[in-house]
C-alpha cells in the first residue's frame, strides 16, 4: 500500500481532526502541509483521481480544525459532523 492509500485510510478512519493532525494546535499547519504535499496529484500522476479526492478530504478537515482552534474547542475530540 502506497503513501497515498495510507493517508486516505487515515482520513477515512478519523473520528475527529485531532486524530489526523495531532493533539497540539500548533502541529496542525505543519502536519497539513506535509500531508498535502504527499497526496498532491503532481506527486501521484498515476492515481490522479484518488489524489484529488484525498486532497479535498484533507482540505475540508483542515477547515474544521481551523474553526475549532479559533473557537477554543481544539483538543476536546468532538466527533466530525
N, C-alpha and C. Protein backbone atom coordinates (compact mmCIF):
# COMPACT_ATOMS: atom_id res chain seq x y z
N UNK A 1 0.86 -1.18 0.00
CA UNK A 1 0.00 0.00 0.00
C UNK A 1 0.90 1.24 0.00
N UNK A 2 0.61 2.16 -0.89
CA UNK A 2 1.41 3.35 -1.02
C UNK A 2 1.04 4.42 -0.01
N UNK A 3 1.83 5.48 0.00
CA UNK A 3 1.60 6.57 0.96
C UNK A 3 0.23 7.22 0.77
N UNK A 4 -0.20 7.37 -0.47
CA UNK A 4 -1.49 7.99 -0.75
C UNK A 4 -2.63 7.15 -0.16
N UNK A 5 -2.55 5.84 -0.31
CA UNK A 5 -3.57 4.96 0.24
C UNK A 5 -3.57 5.00 1.76
N UNK A 6 -2.39 5.11 2.36
CA UNK A 6 -2.31 5.20 3.82
C UNK A 6 -2.94 6.48 4.34
N UNK A 7 -2.69 7.59 3.65
CA UNK A 7 -3.28 8.87 4.05
C UNK A 7 -4.80 8.79 3.91
N UNK A 8 -5.28 8.20 2.81
CA UNK A 8 -6.72 8.07 2.60
C UNK A 8 -7.35 7.23 3.71
N UNK A 9 -6.71 6.13 4.09
CA UNK A 9 -7.22 5.29 5.17
C UNK A 9 -7.24 6.03 6.49
N UNK A 10 -6.21 6.85 6.74
CA UNK A 10 -6.15 7.63 7.97
C UNK A 10 -7.29 8.65 8.02
N UNK A 11 -7.55 9.29 6.89
CA UNK A 11 -8.64 10.28 6.83
C UNK A 11 -10.00 9.60 6.99
N UNK A 12 -10.17 8.43 6.36
CA UNK A 12 -11.44 7.71 6.47
C UNK A 12 -11.69 7.21 7.88
N UNK A 13 -10.62 6.85 8.59
CA UNK A 13 -10.76 6.32 9.94
C UNK A 13 -10.79 7.36 11.03
N UNK A 14 -10.62 8.62 10.67
CA UNK A 14 -10.58 9.69 11.68
C UNK A 14 -11.97 10.01 12.19
N UNK A 15 -12.10 10.07 13.51
CA UNK A 15 -13.39 10.47 14.07
C UNK A 15 -13.39 11.94 14.45
N UNK A 16 -12.20 12.56 14.49
CA UNK A 16 -12.08 13.98 14.78
C UNK A 16 -10.77 14.49 14.18
N UNK A 17 -10.63 15.79 13.96
CA UNK A 17 -9.40 16.33 13.35
C UNK A 17 -8.14 16.01 14.14
N UNK A 18 -8.26 15.89 15.45
CA UNK A 18 -7.09 15.60 16.28
C UNK A 18 -6.47 14.24 15.92
N UNK A 19 -7.29 13.32 15.41
CA UNK A 19 -6.78 12.01 15.01
C UNK A 19 -5.80 12.12 13.84
N UNK A 20 -5.99 13.11 13.00
CA UNK A 20 -5.15 13.28 11.82
C UNK A 20 -3.99 14.24 12.10
N UNK A 21 -4.28 15.37 12.72
CA UNK A 21 -3.30 16.43 12.85
C UNK A 21 -2.51 16.41 14.16
N UNK A 22 -2.90 15.61 15.12
CA UNK A 22 -2.18 15.55 16.38
C UNK A 22 -2.90 16.31 17.48
N UNK A 23 -2.36 16.19 18.67
CA UNK A 23 -3.04 16.74 19.84
C UNK A 23 -2.84 18.24 20.02
N UNK A 24 -1.75 18.77 19.54
CA UNK A 24 -1.46 20.19 19.77
C UNK A 24 -1.90 21.04 18.59
N UNK A 25 -2.51 22.17 18.89
CA UNK A 25 -3.00 23.03 17.81
C UNK A 25 -1.87 23.60 16.95
N UNK A 26 -0.69 23.75 17.51
CA UNK A 26 0.42 24.30 16.73
C UNK A 26 0.97 23.29 15.72
N UNK A 27 0.59 22.01 15.83
CA UNK A 27 1.04 20.99 14.89
C UNK A 27 0.21 20.96 13.61
N UNK A 28 -0.97 21.53 13.64
CA UNK A 28 -1.92 21.40 12.53
C UNK A 28 -1.33 21.88 11.22
N UNK A 29 -0.77 23.06 11.20
CA UNK A 29 -0.26 23.62 9.94
C UNK A 29 0.87 22.76 9.38
N UNK A 30 1.79 22.34 10.23
CA UNK A 30 2.92 21.53 9.79
C UNK A 30 2.45 20.18 9.23
N UNK A 31 1.58 19.50 9.95
CA UNK A 31 1.09 18.19 9.53
C UNK A 31 0.26 18.32 8.25
N UNK A 32 -0.59 19.36 8.19
CA UNK A 32 -1.39 19.58 6.98
C UNK A 32 -0.50 19.76 5.76
N UNK A 33 0.50 20.59 5.88
CA UNK A 33 1.38 20.85 4.73
C UNK A 33 2.11 19.59 4.29
N UNK A 34 2.57 18.80 5.26
CA UNK A 34 3.26 17.56 4.94
C UNK A 34 2.32 16.60 4.20
N UNK A 35 1.11 16.42 4.73
CA UNK A 35 0.15 15.51 4.09
C UNK A 35 -0.29 16.03 2.73
N UNK A 36 -0.50 17.34 2.62
CA UNK A 36 -0.93 17.93 1.35
C UNK A 36 0.13 17.73 0.27
N UNK A 37 1.39 17.87 0.63
CA UNK A 37 2.47 17.64 -0.35
C UNK A 37 2.51 16.17 -0.76
N UNK A 38 2.32 15.29 0.21
CA UNK A 38 2.40 13.86 -0.07
C UNK A 38 1.27 13.38 -0.98
N UNK A 39 0.10 13.97 -0.86
CA UNK A 39 -1.04 13.49 -1.65
C UNK A 39 -1.36 14.38 -2.85
N UNK A 40 -0.48 15.30 -3.17
CA UNK A 40 -0.72 16.18 -4.32
C UNK A 40 -0.72 15.37 -5.61
N UNK A 41 -1.58 15.73 -6.54
CA UNK A 41 -1.71 14.97 -7.78
C UNK A 41 -0.44 14.98 -8.64
N UNK A 42 0.39 16.00 -8.52
CA UNK A 42 1.64 16.02 -9.28
C UNK A 42 2.63 14.97 -8.77
N UNK A 43 2.53 14.61 -7.50
CA UNK A 43 3.40 13.57 -6.94
C UNK A 43 2.82 12.18 -7.16
N UNK A 44 1.56 12.11 -7.56
CA UNK A 44 0.87 10.84 -7.78
C UNK A 44 0.15 10.84 -9.12
N UNK A 45 0.89 11.01 -10.22
CA UNK A 45 0.23 11.14 -11.52
C UNK A 45 -0.54 9.89 -11.95
N UNK A 46 -0.14 8.72 -11.49
CA UNK A 46 -0.84 7.50 -11.88
C UNK A 46 -2.14 7.31 -11.08
N UNK A 47 -2.31 8.07 -10.00
CA UNK A 47 -3.50 7.97 -9.16
C UNK A 47 -4.12 9.36 -8.99
N UNK A 48 -4.26 10.05 -10.07
CA UNK A 48 -4.70 11.44 -10.04
C UNK A 48 -6.07 11.61 -9.38
N UNK A 49 -7.02 10.71 -9.70
CA UNK A 49 -8.36 10.83 -9.13
C UNK A 49 -8.35 10.64 -7.62
N UNK A 50 -7.62 9.63 -7.16
CA UNK A 50 -7.52 9.39 -5.72
C UNK A 50 -6.82 10.55 -5.04
N UNK A 51 -5.79 11.09 -5.66
CA UNK A 51 -5.06 12.22 -5.09
C UNK A 51 -5.98 13.44 -4.93
N UNK A 52 -6.81 13.70 -5.91
CA UNK A 52 -7.75 14.82 -5.82
C UNK A 52 -8.77 14.59 -4.72
N UNK A 53 -9.25 13.36 -4.61
CA UNK A 53 -10.24 13.01 -3.57
C UNK A 53 -9.63 13.18 -2.18
N UNK A 54 -8.43 12.68 -2.00
CA UNK A 54 -7.76 12.77 -0.70
C UNK A 54 -7.44 14.23 -0.37
N UNK A 55 -7.00 15.00 -1.35
CA UNK A 55 -6.71 16.42 -1.12
C UNK A 55 -7.95 17.18 -0.69
N UNK A 56 -9.08 16.88 -1.30
CA UNK A 56 -10.34 17.55 -0.94
C UNK A 56 -10.74 17.19 0.49
N UNK A 57 -10.61 15.91 0.86
CA UNK A 57 -10.92 15.49 2.24
C UNK A 57 -10.02 16.19 3.23
N UNK A 58 -8.74 16.25 2.89
CA UNK A 58 -7.76 16.87 3.79
C UNK A 58 -8.04 18.36 3.98
N UNK A 59 -8.37 19.04 2.91
CA UNK A 59 -8.69 20.47 2.99
C UNK A 59 -9.93 20.71 3.84
N UNK A 60 -10.95 19.89 3.67
CA UNK A 60 -12.17 20.03 4.47
C UNK A 60 -11.87 19.80 5.96
N UNK A 61 -11.05 18.81 6.25
CA UNK A 61 -10.68 18.54 7.64
C UNK A 61 -9.85 19.68 8.22
N UNK A 62 -9.00 20.30 7.40
CA UNK A 62 -8.20 21.45 7.85
C UNK A 62 -9.10 22.63 8.19
N UNK A 63 -10.15 22.84 7.40
CA UNK A 63 -11.08 23.93 7.69
C UNK A 63 -11.79 23.70 9.02
N UNK A 64 -12.20 22.46 9.27
CA UNK A 64 -12.84 22.12 10.54
C UNK A 64 -11.87 22.34 11.69
N UNK A 65 -10.63 21.92 11.51
CA UNK A 65 -9.61 22.10 12.55
C UNK A 65 -9.37 23.58 12.84
N UNK A 66 -9.27 24.39 11.79
CA UNK A 66 -9.07 25.83 11.97
C UNK A 66 -10.23 26.47 12.74
N UNK A 67 -11.45 26.05 12.40
CA UNK A 67 -12.62 26.58 13.11
C UNK A 67 -12.58 26.20 14.59
N UNK A 68 -12.22 24.97 14.87
CA UNK A 68 -12.18 24.52 16.26
C UNK A 68 -11.07 25.21 17.05
N UNK A 69 -9.95 25.46 16.41
CA UNK A 69 -8.87 26.19 17.08
C UNK A 69 -9.32 27.61 17.38
N UNK A 70 -9.92 28.25 16.39
CA UNK A 70 -10.40 29.63 16.55
C UNK A 70 -11.45 29.73 17.66
N UNK A 71 -12.33 28.71 17.76
CA UNK A 71 -13.41 28.74 18.74
C UNK A 71 -13.00 28.18 20.10
N UNK A 72 -11.75 27.78 20.24
CA UNK A 72 -11.27 27.27 21.52
C UNK A 72 -11.74 25.86 21.83
N UNK A 73 -12.11 25.10 20.80
CA UNK A 73 -12.60 23.74 21.01
C UNK A 73 -11.57 22.69 20.64
N UNK A 74 -10.37 23.09 20.30
CA UNK A 74 -9.35 22.14 19.88
C UNK A 74 -8.93 21.28 21.09
N UNK A 75 -8.79 20.00 20.87
CA UNK A 75 -8.35 19.08 21.90
C UNK A 75 -9.49 18.40 22.63
N UNK A 76 -10.71 18.80 22.34
CA UNK A 76 -11.88 18.19 23.01
C UNK A 76 -12.35 16.93 22.30
N UNK A 77 -11.74 16.63 21.15
CA UNK A 77 -12.07 15.44 20.35
C UNK A 77 -13.57 15.34 20.05
N UNK A 78 -14.14 16.41 19.59
CA UNK A 78 -15.54 16.45 19.18
C UNK A 78 -15.66 15.70 17.86
N UNK A 79 -16.57 14.73 17.77
CA UNK A 79 -16.69 13.97 16.51
C UNK A 79 -17.00 14.86 15.32
N UNK A 80 -16.57 14.38 14.15
CA UNK A 80 -16.83 15.12 12.91
C UNK A 80 -18.31 15.12 12.59
N UNK A 81 -18.78 16.19 11.95
CA UNK A 81 -20.21 16.24 11.58
C UNK A 81 -20.56 15.23 10.50
